[in-house]
Structure formats: C-alpha cells, structure tokens
Amino acid sequence: MNPRTDEAIQALLSMGFNESQAFDALTENGGDLEQAVNFLLAGGAASMVGGGSGGGATSDDTSIVHSEVSQYTDPSIGRSACTSIALTLASRVLTEMHVNSMNNVQDIINSVFLSDAVMRGMQVCTELRAKNSSGVEHLSVEEVMTIDLPSQPFSSLKLMPNSPRQGLLSSSRDNPLGLQSVLSACQLDATGHSYVAIVITKPPETVLILLPPSAASAVQPKYVLLDSHPRPNNLAPHYPSGSYALFHSDMQSLVRSLEELFPAVNLGSDVNEMMAMMYNSFDVYPFECKVG
C-alpha cells in the first residue's frame, strides 16, 4: 500500500467508515478520496447493510423517523442539494409550528413530511441552479438565501443576529467554539418562544438542527437532527439509503449524534495549525420564524 492510499484510508476511517469499506471505495474510484467519500455516502459499498423504513427507537433517549427518499434519489440534482433541502425543512417546520400554534415537533415530522420536504428541496436546488450563473455546484447558505426565486421558498425564515456563527470541532465539550457551546448560545439568543432551526454546514455537507426554546413549554421537548444524506455507518439503525430525523431528549444526546457525523480530526504534526482549524471548522445559521 502506498503512502497516499494509506492517508486516504486513514481519512475515511476518521469519518466513521471501517477499513474494508474504505479500501473498497478507494479501489472502486481509482484512489480518488473525494469520489470515494461520495460513493460511500451514496451507499455504494457492498458492506453497507441495513434496512427498514418509517420510525423506530434507536436507544433509550433517541427515536428516528426515516424516509426512503434522500438527496441522492435523483443523483443528477441531489448531490449538492443538502443546503436547499435543509432550508426547505427549516421553513416548513417553523411555518407549520407558527401557523398551527404547535409546540410538539414530533406531531409535524413524519415519513411523508420528510419525503415531501426533501423532494421540494431538490426542486428548489434545480431552480437555484437555473438562476445562478457562477457555475458553483455547492451553494452556500448566503447564496441560496439571496437568489430571488418566484416561489420565495424561504420567505418565512429570519436569520438571527450575529450570524453566521463559526465553530470548531473539538474532542472537548468545554471548548467555547465547540458544537455544544455554539448551539447552546443560539438557543439562549432566540427571541421567540418556539423552536429555532439551525443550519450547520461542514463542507461539503449541510444538516439541520431543531432546538426547543430555552424555557421550553412543550411536553418533553425534543432536540432534532434532520439529514438528507444516507448514513449507513454513523448513526443507528444504519439505514443504507434515505433521509432521517433523529429525535433526542437533550442537548448532550444531540451533540453526541453530531460528533458521530462530524468528528474532530487530528491531521497530525505535518499540517500547520491554521490548516487544521480550517479543516475542523463549521458554520452555523440559526433561523426563527418570521412573524407578520
């Protein structure tokens, strides 16, 4: 095994894949690390097993809603659609909660809701591409929000002040720039009395987080991770395809799930500190529902 292949395998292992999957994916994609990652996330490795649909328990403090539809359902569109899907989910959840005065997010998010929102997010991605002349495949949250679409899919979203906010993946929960610290600050800074929708980008991926108000009035408030990527290895019950919503009983449980998806990676002494920080950085866009 040459040093470059060994480095690529180590990179895939740090993302949560096992050695067999890493080796098979690199072999299938001619040693190209980026293509191997996309291949694995799309469920391309034969060793990825799993199944099932709908909802079910995953542990004592988490439960899941699963949809067979993911951003890869239409690979010609969906590979770079995660940002528009996350924003679509945010808009639909917050609007539904506001219009119907709901405070239990689990009454809204089911398999049908998830499938419809993911499909709509992919349609929005197609509209955005038609309007965007830069040719950039992965649009940022700022770019998505500023492109004027006739359907105005995100008109109900209000970005909270001092955003976007930057964070740094860390093995220490006490890091002031870590996931738990940044998300907790967003929760405390919310001005409303409903959920906050937080779009997290860790290039090239985007996921959505839903946090209850800090003084939650909901019965058993849930901390929710919504993800349009298939995750056959990272999170139980290891679905090989489809999107999912993972409901947690508290912030700590949510952060553990996020750390499975986005682990802090030690790049070694050969990489300078600035590059290591850039690799482990993430951006946070907290939204509230625009009222009136």
C-alpha atoms as a PDB file:
ATOM      1  CA  MET A   1       0.000   0.000   0.000  1.00  0.00           C
ATOM      2  CA  ASN A   2       1.497   3.361  -0.987  1.00  0.00           C
ATOM      3  CA  PRO A   3       1.588   6.325   1.469  1.00  0.00           C
ATOM      4  CA  ARG A   4      -1.094   8.262  -0.431  1.00  0.00           C
ATOM      5  CA  THR A   5      -3.522   5.338  -0.294  1.00  0.00           C
ATOM      6  CA  ASP A   6      -2.769   4.834   3.392  1.00  0.00           C
ATOM      7  CA  GLU A   7      -3.501   8.524   4.084  1.00  0.00           C
ATOM      8  CA  ALA A   8      -6.785   8.288   2.170  1.00  0.00           C
ATOM      9  CA  ILE A   9      -7.829   5.204   4.155  1.00  0.00           C
ATOM     10  CA  GLN A  10      -7.000   6.968   7.411  1.00  0.00           C
ATOM     11  CA  ALA A  11      -9.108   9.936   6.318  1.00  0.00           C
ATOM     12  CA  LEU A  12     -12.082   7.644   5.622  1.00  0.00           C
ATOM     13  CA  LEU A  13     -11.600   5.834   8.937  1.00  0.00           C
ATOM     14  CA  SER A  14     -11.741   9.194  10.718  1.00  0.00           C
ATOM     15  CA  MET A  15     -15.136   9.803   9.083  1.00  0.00           C
ATOM     16  CA  GLY A  16     -16.570   6.648  10.640  1.00  0.00           C
ATOM     17  CA  PHE A  17     -16.169   4.098   7.830  1.00  0.00           C
ATOM     18  CA  ASN A  18     -14.417   0.811   8.505  1.00  0.00           C
ATOM     19  CA  GLU A  19     -11.209  -0.321   6.799  1.00  0.00           C
ATOM     20  CA  SER A  20     -12.910  -2.718   4.405  1.00  0.00           C
ATOM     21  CA  GLN A  21     -15.351  -0.057   3.213  1.00  0.00           C
ATOM     22  CA  ALA A  22     -12.551   2.490   2.836  1.00  0.00           C
ATOM     23  CA  PHE A  23     -10.396   0.125   0.790  1.00  0.00           C
ATOM     24  CA  ASP A  24     -13.288  -0.986  -1.446  1.00  0.00           C
ATOM     25  CA  ALA A  25     -14.430   2.599  -2.068  1.00  0.00           C
ATOM     26  CA  LEU A  26     -10.935   3.793  -2.981  1.00  0.00           C
ATOM     27  CA  THR A  27     -10.428   0.801  -5.269  1.00  0.00           C
ATOM     28  CA  GLU A  28     -13.764   1.424  -6.964  1.00  0.00           C
ATOM     29  CA  ASN A  29     -12.907   5.117  -7.510  1.00  0.00           C
ATOM     30  CA  GLY A  30      -9.303   4.843  -8.633  1.00  0.00           C
ATOM     31  CA  GLY A  31      -7.882   6.103  -5.348  1.00  0.00           C
ATOM     32  CA  ASP A  32      -9.737   9.446  -5.525  1.00  0.00           C
ATOM     33  CA  LEU A  33     -10.638  10.356  -1.931  1.00  0.00           C
ATOM     34  CA  GLU A  34     -13.468  12.795  -2.735  1.00  0.00           C
ATOM     35  CA  GLN A  35     -15.142  10.359  -5.108  1.00  0.00           C
ATOM     36  CA  ALA A  36     -14.710   7.582  -2.551  1.00  0.00           C
ATOM     37  CA  VAL A  37     -16.481   9.695   0.088  1.00  0.00           C
ATOM     38  CA  ASN A  38     -19.392  10.426  -2.273  1.00  0.00           C
ATOM     39  CA  PHE A  39     -19.520   6.727  -3.193  1.00  0.00           C
ATOM     40  CA  LEU A  40     -19.742   5.697   0.473  1.00  0.00           C
ATOM     41  CA  LEU A  41     -22.316   8.340   1.394  1.00  0.00           C
ATOM     42  CA  ALA A  42     -24.454   7.201  -1.522  1.00  0.00           C
ATOM     43  CA  GLY A  43     -24.460   3.666  -0.098  1.00  0.00           C
ATOM     44  CA  GLY A  44     -22.194   2.277  -2.795  1.00  0.00           C
ATOM     45  CA  ALA A  45     -20.120  -0.092  -0.669  1.00  0.00           C
ATOM     46  CA  ALA A  46     -21.325  -3.668  -0.608  1.00  0.00           C
ATOM     47  CA  SER A  47     -20.510  -3.922   3.073  1.00  0.00           C
ATOM     48  CA  MET A  48     -23.119  -1.340   3.969  1.00  0.00           C
ATOM     49  CA  VAL A  49     -26.085  -3.235   5.243  1.00  0.00           C
ATOM     50  CA  GLY A  50     -29.328  -2.240   6.894  1.00  0.00           C
ATOM     51  CA  GLY A  51     -32.932  -1.654   6.055  1.00  0.00           C
ATOM     52  CA  GLY A  52     -36.321  -0.653   7.206  1.00  0.00           C
ATOM     53  CA  SER A  53     -38.437   2.442   6.924  1.00  0.00           C
ATOM     54  CA  GLY A  54     -40.670   4.658   8.967  1.00  0.00           C
ATOM     55  CA  GLY A  55     -39.944   5.322  12.628  1.00  0.00           C
ATOM     56  CA  GLY A  56     -38.448   3.351  15.434  1.00  0.00           C
ATOM     57  CA  ALA A  57     -36.441   3.536  18.610  1.00  0.00           C
ATOM     58  CA  THR A  58     -32.653   3.725  18.390  1.00  0.00           C
ATOM     59  CA  SER A  59     -31.716   3.994  22.072  1.00  0.00           C
ATOM     60  CA  ASP A  60     -33.144   4.986  25.430  1.00  0.00           C
ATOM     61  CA  ASP A  61     -33.047   8.681  24.592  1.00  0.00           C
ATOM     62  CA  THR A  62     -33.379   8.841  20.801  1.00  0.00           C
ATOM     63  CA  SER A  63     -36.003   7.889  18.238  1.00  0.00           C
ATOM     64  CA  ILE A  64     -35.989   8.125  14.471  1.00  0.00           C
ATOM     65  CA  VAL A  65     -38.250   8.924  11.527  1.00  0.00           C
ATOM     66  CA  HIS A  66     -36.883   7.525   8.281  1.00  0.00           C
ATOM     67  CA  SER A  67     -37.778   8.174   4.656  1.00  0.00           C
ATOM     68  CA  GLU A  68     -36.641   6.148   1.662  1.00  0.00           C
ATOM     69  CA  VAL A  69     -36.158   9.464  -0.173  1.00  0.00           C
ATOM     70  CA  SER A  70     -32.743  11.119   0.117  1.00  0.00           C
ATOM     71  CA  GLN A  71     -30.900  13.812  -1.799  1.00  0.00           C
ATOM     72  CA  TYR A  72     -29.420  11.006  -3.910  1.00  0.00           C
ATOM     73  CA  THR A  73     -32.840   9.832  -5.079  1.00  0.00           C
ATOM     74  CA  ASP A  74     -32.136  11.947  -8.170  1.00  0.00           C
ATOM     75  CA  PRO A  75     -28.318  11.930  -8.380  1.00  0.00           C
ATOM     76  CA  SER A  76     -28.302  14.474 -11.204  1.00  0.00           C
ATOM     77  CA  ILE A  77     -29.723  17.054  -8.779  1.00  0.00           C
ATOM     78  CA  GLY A  78     -29.274  15.886  -5.251  1.00  0.00           C
ATOM     79  CA  ARG A  79     -25.535  15.518  -4.773  1.00  0.00           C
ATOM     80  CA  SER A  80     -25.251  19.214  -3.941  1.00  0.00           C
ATOM     81  CA  ALA A  81     -28.839  19.819  -2.749  1.00  0.00           C
ATOM     82  CA  CYS A  82     -28.327  19.431   1.008  1.00  0.00           C
ATOM     83  CA  THR A  83     -28.292  23.185   1.714  1.00  0.00           C
ATOM     84  CA  SER A  84     -31.547  23.901  -0.130  1.00  0.00           C
ATOM     85  CA  ILE A  85     -33.104  20.806   1.485  1.00  0.00           C
ATOM     86  CA  ALA A  86     -32.053  21.910   4.987  1.00  0.00           C
ATOM     87  CA  LEU A  87     -33.509  25.380   4.417  1.00  0.00           C
ATOM     88  CA  THR A  88     -36.712  23.885   2.993  1.00  0.00           C
ATOM     89  CA  LEU A  89     -37.096  21.683   6.070  1.00  0.00           C
ATOM     90  CA  ALA A  90     -36.441  24.675   8.338  1.00  0.00           C
ATOM     91  CA  SER A  91     -39.044  26.797   6.575  1.00  0.00           C
ATOM     92  CA  ARG A  92     -41.701  24.091   6.596  1.00  0.00           C
ATOM     93  CA  VAL A  93     -41.248  23.080  10.227  1.00  0.00           C
ATOM     94  CA  LEU A  94     -41.175  26.627  11.622  1.00  0.00           C
ATOM     95  CA  THR A  95     -44.107  27.746   9.467  1.00  0.00           C
ATOM     96  CA  GLU A  96     -46.209  24.747  10.478  1.00  0.00           C
ATOM     97  CA  MET A  97     -45.495  25.318  14.154  1.00  0.00           C
ATOM     98  CA  HIS A  98     -46.328  29.034  13.912  1.00  0.00           C
ATOM     99  CA  VAL A  99     -49.462  28.796  11.788  1.00  0.00           C
ATOM    100  CA  ASN A 100     -50.978  25.984  13.816  1.00  0.00           C
ATOM    101  CA  SER A 101     -49.653  27.109  17.228  1.00  0.00           C
ATOM    102  CA  MET A 102     -47.925  23.782  17.717  1.00  0.00           C
ATOM    103  CA  ASN A 103     -45.180  23.103  20.240  1.00  0.00           C
ATOM    104  CA  ASN A 104     -44.548  19.389  19.696  1.00  0.00           C
ATOM    105  CA  VAL A 105     -42.236  18.966  16.721  1.00  0.00           C
ATOM    106  CA  GLN A 106     -42.922  15.225  16.594  1.00  0.00           C
ATOM    107  CA  ASP A 107     -46.526  15.996  15.620  1.00  0.00           C
ATOM    108  CA  ILE A 108     -45.169  17.524  12.397  1.00  0.00           C
ATOM    109  CA  ILE A 109     -42.236  15.403  11.257  1.00  0.00           C
ATOM    110  CA  ASN A 110     -43.186  12.006   9.899  1.00  0.00           C
ATOM    111  CA  SER A 111     -42.002   9.952   6.917  1.00  0.00           C
ATOM    112  CA  VAL A 112     -44.384  11.649   4.474  1.00  0.00           C
ATOM    113  CA  PHE A 113     -43.426  15.143   5.672  1.00  0.00           C
ATOM    114  CA  LEU A 114     -39.738  14.264   5.385  1.00  0.00           C
ATOM    115  CA  SER A 115     -40.098  12.798   1.874  1.00  0.00           C
ATOM    116  CA  ASP A 116     -42.085  15.786   0.597  1.00  0.00           C
ATOM    117  CA  ALA A 117     -39.641  18.317   2.046  1.00  0.00           C
ATOM    118  CA  VAL A 118     -36.575  16.538   0.629  1.00  0.00           C
ATOM    119  CA  MET A 119     -38.167  16.335  -2.826  1.00  0.00           C
ATOM    120  CA  ARG A 120     -39.171  20.003  -2.658  1.00  0.00           C
ATOM    121  CA  GLY A 121     -35.651  20.927  -1.568  1.00  0.00           C
ATOM    122  CA  MET A 122     -34.246  19.197  -4.649  1.00  0.00           C
ATOM    123  CA  GLN A 123     -36.713  21.107  -6.843  1.00  0.00           C
ATOM    124  CA  VAL A 124     -35.566  24.351  -5.226  1.00  0.00           C
ATOM    125  CA  CYS A 125     -31.969  23.345  -5.934  1.00  0.00           C
ATOM    126  CA  THR A 126     -32.849  22.983  -9.626  1.00  0.00           C
ATOM    127  CA  GLU A 127     -34.445  26.444  -9.632  1.00  0.00           C
ATOM    128  CA  LEU A 128     -31.384  27.906  -7.914  1.00  0.00           C
ATOM    129  CA  ARG A 129     -29.020  26.381 -10.459  1.00  0.00           C
ATOM    130  CA  ALA A 130     -31.045  27.874 -13.288  1.00  0.00           C
ATOM    131  CA  LYS A 131     -30.733  31.336 -11.721  1.00  0.00           C
ATOM    132  CA  ASN A 132     -27.110  31.044 -10.610  1.00  0.00           C
ATOM    133  CA  SER A 133     -24.528  31.978 -13.252  1.00  0.00           C
ATOM    134  CA  SER A 134     -21.401  31.248 -11.214  1.00  0.00           C
ATOM    135  CA  GLY A 135     -21.328  27.550 -12.073  1.00  0.00           C
ATOM    136  CA  VAL A 136     -20.559  26.675  -8.438  1.00  0.00           C
ATOM    137  CA  GLU A 137     -22.075  23.296  -7.571  1.00  0.00           C
ATOM    138  CA  HIS A 138     -22.290  23.631  -3.784  1.00  0.00           C
ATOM    139  CA  LEU A 139     -24.031  26.921  -2.979  1.00  0.00           C
ATOM    140  CA  SER A 140     -23.577  28.481   0.450  1.00  0.00           C
ATOM    141  CA  VAL A 141     -26.493  29.401   2.704  1.00  0.00           C
ATOM    142  CA  GLU A 142     -25.908  33.079   1.855  1.00  0.00           C
ATOM    143  CA  GLU A 143     -26.039  32.360  -1.874  1.00  0.00           C
ATOM    144  CA  VAL A 144     -29.187  30.267  -1.557  1.00  0.00           C
ATOM    145  CA  MET A 145     -30.941  32.910   0.545  1.00  0.00           C
ATOM    146  CA  THR A 146     -30.062  35.828  -1.765  1.00  0.00           C
ATOM    147  CA  ILE A 147     -31.067  34.268  -5.095  1.00  0.00           C
ATOM    148  CA  ASP A 148     -34.517  35.616  -5.938  1.00  0.00           C
ATOM    149  CA  LEU A 149     -36.912  32.800  -6.835  1.00  0.00           C
ATOM    150  CA  PRO A 150     -40.551  33.362  -7.857  1.00  0.00           C
ATOM    151  CA  SER A 151     -41.703  30.761  -5.322  1.00  0.00           C
ATOM    152  CA  GLN A 152     -39.897  32.530  -2.431  1.00  0.00           C
ATOM    153  CA  PRO A 153     -39.384  29.210  -0.629  1.00  0.00           C
ATOM    154  CA  PHE A 154     -37.569  30.709   2.366  1.00  0.00           C
ATOM    155  CA  SER A 155     -39.571  33.892   2.930  1.00  0.00           C
ATOM    156  CA  SER A 156     -40.718  32.663   6.348  1.00  0.00           C
ATOM    157  CA  LEU A 157     -37.153  32.402   7.700  1.00  0.00           C
ATOM    158  CA  LYS A 158     -35.493  35.161   9.735  1.00  0.00           C
ATOM    159  CA  LEU A 159     -31.758  34.846  10.317  1.00  0.00           C
ATOM    160  CA  MET A 160     -30.837  35.615  13.912  1.00  0.00           C
ATOM    161  CA  PRO A 161     -28.400  38.491  14.638  1.00  0.00           C
ATOM    162  CA  ASN A 162     -24.633  37.947  14.642  1.00  0.00           C
ATOM    163  CA  SER A 163     -24.895  35.195  12.058  1.00  0.00           C
ATOM    164  CA  PRO A 164     -23.405  33.165  10.567  1.00  0.00           C
ATOM    165  CA  ARG A 165     -21.574  31.921  13.619  1.00  0.00           C
ATOM    166  CA  GLN A 166     -18.376  29.947  13.409  1.00  0.00           C
ATOM    167  CA  GLY A 167     -17.435  26.884  15.405  1.00  0.00           C
ATOM    168  CA  LEU A 168     -14.570  24.428  15.708  1.00  0.00           C
ATOM    169  CA  LEU A 169     -14.952  20.682  16.028  1.00  0.00           C
ATOM    170  CA  SER A 170     -13.234  19.584  19.205  1.00  0.00           C
ATOM    171  CA  SER A 171     -12.855  16.494  21.353  1.00  0.00           C
ATOM    172  CA  SER A 172     -13.570  18.689  24.393  1.00  0.00           C
ATOM    173  CA  ARG A 173     -17.178  19.543  25.219  1.00  0.00           C
ATOM    174  CA  ASP A 174     -15.921  22.592  27.146  1.00  0.00           C
ATOM    175  CA  ASN A 175     -14.447  24.257  24.051  1.00  0.00           C
ATOM    176  CA  PRO A 176     -16.214  27.657  23.702  1.00  0.00           C
ATOM    177  CA  LEU A 177     -16.262  27.146  19.920  1.00  0.00           C
ATOM    178  CA  GLY A 178     -17.397  23.521  20.093  1.00  0.00           C
ATOM    179  CA  LEU A 179     -20.744  22.184  18.918  1.00  0.00           C
ATOM    180  CA  GLN A 180     -22.424  22.222  22.312  1.00  0.00           C
ATOM    181  CA  SER A 181     -21.292  25.764  23.175  1.00  0.00           C
ATOM    182  CA  VAL A 182     -22.287  27.256  19.819  1.00  0.00           C
ATOM    183  CA  LEU A 183     -25.684  25.528  19.711  1.00  0.00           C
ATOM    184  CA  SER A 184     -26.470  26.445  23.323  1.00  0.00           C
ATOM    185  CA  ALA A 185     -25.681  30.096  22.583  1.00  0.00           C
ATOM    186  CA  CYS A 186     -28.107  30.051  19.641  1.00  0.00           C
ATOM    187  CA  GLN A 187     -30.804  28.566  21.851  1.00  0.00           C
ATOM    188  CA  LEU A 188     -30.303  31.232  24.516  1.00  0.00           C
ATOM    189  CA  ASP A 189     -30.211  34.089  21.980  1.00  0.00           C
ATOM    190  CA  ALA A 190     -33.565  33.185  20.412  1.00  0.00           C
ATOM    191  CA  THR A 191     -36.165  35.905  20.863  1.00  0.00           C
ATOM    192  CA  GLY A 192     -39.280  33.820  20.286  1.00  0.00           C
ATOM    193  CA  HIS A 193     -40.984  31.095  22.253  1.00  0.00           C
ATOM    194  CA  SER A 194     -40.852  28.426  19.570  1.00  0.00           C
ATOM    195  CA  TYR A 195     -38.216  26.208  18.042  1.00  0.00           C
ATOM    196  CA  VAL A 196     -35.026  27.549  16.450  1.00  0.00           C
ATOM    197  CA  ALA A 197     -33.913  25.991  13.160  1.00  0.00           C
ATOM    198  CA  ILE A 198     -30.135  25.843  12.817  1.00  0.00           C
ATOM    199  CA  VAL A 199     -28.462  25.049   9.511  1.00  0.00           C
ATOM    200  CA  ILE A 200     -24.984  23.597  10.105  1.00  0.00           C
ATOM    201  CA  THR A 201     -22.507  23.479   7.238  1.00  0.00           C
ATOM    202  CA  LYS A 202     -19.342  21.394   7.384  1.00  0.00           C
ATOM    203  CA  PRO A 203     -18.238  21.417   3.729  1.00  0.00           C
ATOM    204  CA  PRO A 204     -19.306  19.705   1.648  1.00  0.00           C
ATOM    205  CA  GLU A 205     -22.284  18.720   3.840  1.00  0.00           C
ATOM    206  CA  THR A 206     -25.195  20.567   5.410  1.00  0.00           C
ATOM    207  CA  VAL A 207     -27.646  19.306   8.043  1.00  0.00           C
ATOM    208  CA  LEU A 208     -30.479  20.907  10.015  1.00  0.00           C
ATOM    209  CA  ILE A 209     -30.897  21.093  13.791  1.00  0.00           C
ATOM    210  CA  LEU A 210     -34.120  21.997  15.610  1.00  0.00           C
ATOM    211  CA  LEU A 211     -33.774  23.300  19.166  1.00  0.00           C
ATOM    212  CA  PRO A 212     -36.669  23.955  21.552  1.00  0.00           C
ATOM    213  CA  PRO A 213     -36.863  27.348  23.274  1.00  0.00           C
ATOM    214  CA  SER A 214     -34.553  27.625  26.287  1.00  0.00           C
ATOM    215  CA  ALA A 215     -37.607  27.919  28.541  1.00  0.00           C
ATOM    216  CA  ALA A 216     -39.376  25.074  26.803  1.00  0.00           C
ATOM    217  CA  SER A 217     -43.117  24.894  27.343  1.00  0.00           C
ATOM    218  CA  ALA A 218     -43.524  21.838  25.154  1.00  0.00           C
ATOM    219  CA  VAL A 219     -44.192  18.490  26.756  1.00  0.00           C
ATOM    220  CA  GLN A 220     -40.930  16.539  26.562  1.00  0.00           C
ATOM    221  CA  PRO A 221     -39.215  18.928  24.117  1.00  0.00           C
ATOM    222  CA  LYS A 222     -37.038  17.274  21.507  1.00  0.00           C
ATOM    223  CA  TYR A 223     -33.666  18.200  20.054  1.00  0.00           C
ATOM    224  CA  VAL A 224     -33.807  17.140  16.420  1.00  0.00           C
ATOM    225  CA  LEU A 225     -31.232  16.322  13.750  1.00  0.00           C
ATOM    226  CA  LEU A 226     -32.580  16.273  10.176  1.00  0.00           C
ATOM    227  CA  ASP A 227     -30.295  14.921   7.492  1.00  0.00           C
ATOM    228  CA  SER A 228     -30.902  14.318   3.775  1.00  0.00           C
ATOM    229  CA  HIS A 229     -27.769  12.150   3.422  1.00  0.00           C
ATOM    230  CA  PRO A 230     -27.903   8.370   3.788  1.00  0.00           C
ATOM    231  CA  ARG A 231     -25.840   7.385   6.844  1.00  0.00           C
ATOM    232  CA  PRO A 232     -25.270   3.630   6.708  1.00  0.00           C
ATOM    233  CA  ASN A 233     -22.468   3.642   9.272  1.00  0.00           C
ATOM    234  CA  ASN A 234     -22.588   6.666  11.529  1.00  0.00           C
ATOM    235  CA  LEU A 235     -25.932   6.559  13.304  1.00  0.00           C
ATOM    236  CA  ALA A 236     -28.047   3.608  14.392  1.00  0.00           C
ATOM    237  CA  PRO A 237     -30.017   1.914  12.937  1.00  0.00           C
ATOM    238  CA  HIS A 238     -27.669   2.340   9.952  1.00  0.00           C
ATOM    239  CA  TYR A 239     -30.071   2.796   7.070  1.00  0.00           C
ATOM    240  CA  PRO A 240     -28.242   2.259   3.770  1.00  0.00           C
ATOM    241  CA  SER A 241     -30.439   4.759   1.971  1.00  0.00           C
ATOM    242  CA  GLY A 242     -32.850   7.575   2.641  1.00  0.00           C
ATOM    243  CA  SER A 243     -33.074  10.655   4.838  1.00  0.00           C
ATOM    244  CA  TYR A 244     -33.974  10.739   8.513  1.00  0.00           C
ATOM    245  CA  ALA A 245     -34.952  12.828  11.522  1.00  0.00           C
ATOM    246  CA  LEU A 246     -33.353  11.823  14.803  1.00  0.00           C
ATOM    247  CA  PHE A 247     -35.112  12.989  17.986  1.00  0.00           C
ATOM    248  CA  HIS A 248     -33.094  13.436  21.194  1.00  0.00           C
ATOM    249  CA  SER A 249     -34.209  14.142  24.754  1.00  0.00           C
ATOM    250  CA  ASP A 250     -31.478  16.703  25.483  1.00  0.00           C
ATOM    251  CA  MET A 251     -28.660  18.769  24.016  1.00  0.00           C
ATOM    252  CA  GLN A 252     -25.945  16.349  25.123  1.00  0.00           C
ATOM    253  CA  SER A 253     -27.522  13.468  23.231  1.00  0.00           C
ATOM    254  CA  LEU A 254     -27.899  15.633  20.120  1.00  0.00           C
ATOM    255  CA  VAL A 255     -24.244  16.687  20.277  1.00  0.00           C
ATOM    256  CA  ARG A 256     -23.168  13.039  20.523  1.00  0.00           C
ATOM    257  CA  SER A 257     -25.002  12.329  17.263  1.00  0.00           C
ATOM    258  CA  LEU A 258     -23.413  15.338  15.577  1.00  0.00           C
ATOM    259  CA  GLU A 259     -19.987  14.200  16.741  1.00  0.00           C
ATOM    260  CA  GLU A 260     -20.630  10.884  15.004  1.00  0.00           C
ATOM    261  CA  LEU A 261     -21.281  12.723  11.750  1.00  0.00           C
ATOM    262  CA  PHE A 262     -18.598  15.376  12.130  1.00  0.00           C
ATOM    263  CA  PRO A 263     -15.793  14.071  14.349  1.00  0.00           C
ATOM    264  CA  ALA A 264     -12.874  16.317  15.212  1.00  0.00           C
ATOM    265  CA  VAL A 265      -9.952  15.128  13.099  1.00  0.00           C
ATOM    266  CA  ASN A 266      -6.327  15.289  14.220  1.00  0.00           C
ATOM    267  CA  LEU A 267      -4.406  15.892  10.992  1.00  0.00           C
ATOM    268  CA  GLY A 268      -1.035  15.321  12.610  1.00  0.00           C
ATOM    269  CA  SER A 269       2.033  17.435  13.157  1.00  0.00           C
ATOM    270  CA  ASP A 270       2.752  17.758   9.421  1.00  0.00           C
ATOM    271  CA  VAL A 271      -0.282  20.036   8.992  1.00  0.00           C
ATOM    272  CA  ASN A 272       0.008  23.592  10.307  1.00  0.00           C
ATOM    273  CA  GLU A 273      -2.400  24.822  12.964  1.00  0.00           C
ATOM    274  CA  MET A 274      -4.288  27.181  10.653  1.00  0.00           C
ATOM    275  CA  MET A 275      -4.999  24.449   8.123  1.00  0.00           C
ATOM    276  CA  ALA A 276      -6.107  22.086  10.893  1.00  0.00           C
ATOM    277  CA  MET A 277      -8.517  24.713  12.229  1.00  0.00           C
ATOM    278  CA  MET A 278      -9.924  25.326   8.752  1.00  0.00           C
ATOM    279  CA  TYR A 279     -10.492  21.599   8.247  1.00  0.00           C
ATOM    280  CA  ASN A 280     -12.331  21.262  11.578  1.00  0.00           C
ATOM    281  CA  SER A 281     -14.354  24.459  11.276  1.00  0.00           C
ATOM    282  CA  PHE A 282     -18.115  24.627  10.764  1.00  0.00           C
ATOM    283  CA  ASP A 283     -20.647  27.410  10.197  1.00  0.00           C
ATOM    284  CA  VAL A 284     -23.976  27.840  11.962  1.00  0.00           C
ATOM    285  CA  TYR A 285     -27.016  29.721  10.624  1.00  0.00           C
ATOM    286  CA  PRO A 286     -29.782  29.996  13.252  1.00  0.00           C
ATOM    287  CA  PHE A 287     -33.262  30.898  11.987  1.00  0.00           C
ATOM    288  CA  GLU A 288     -36.504  31.841  13.658  1.00  0.00           C
ATOM    289  CA  CYS A 289     -39.924  32.065  12.034  1.00  0.00           C
ATOM    290  CA  LYS A 290     -40.606  35.478  10.521  1.00  0.00           C
ATOM    291  CA  VAL A 291     -43.841  36.662  12.139  1.00  0.00           C
ATOM    292  CA  GLY A 292     -46.121  39.119  10.372  1.00  0.00           C
END
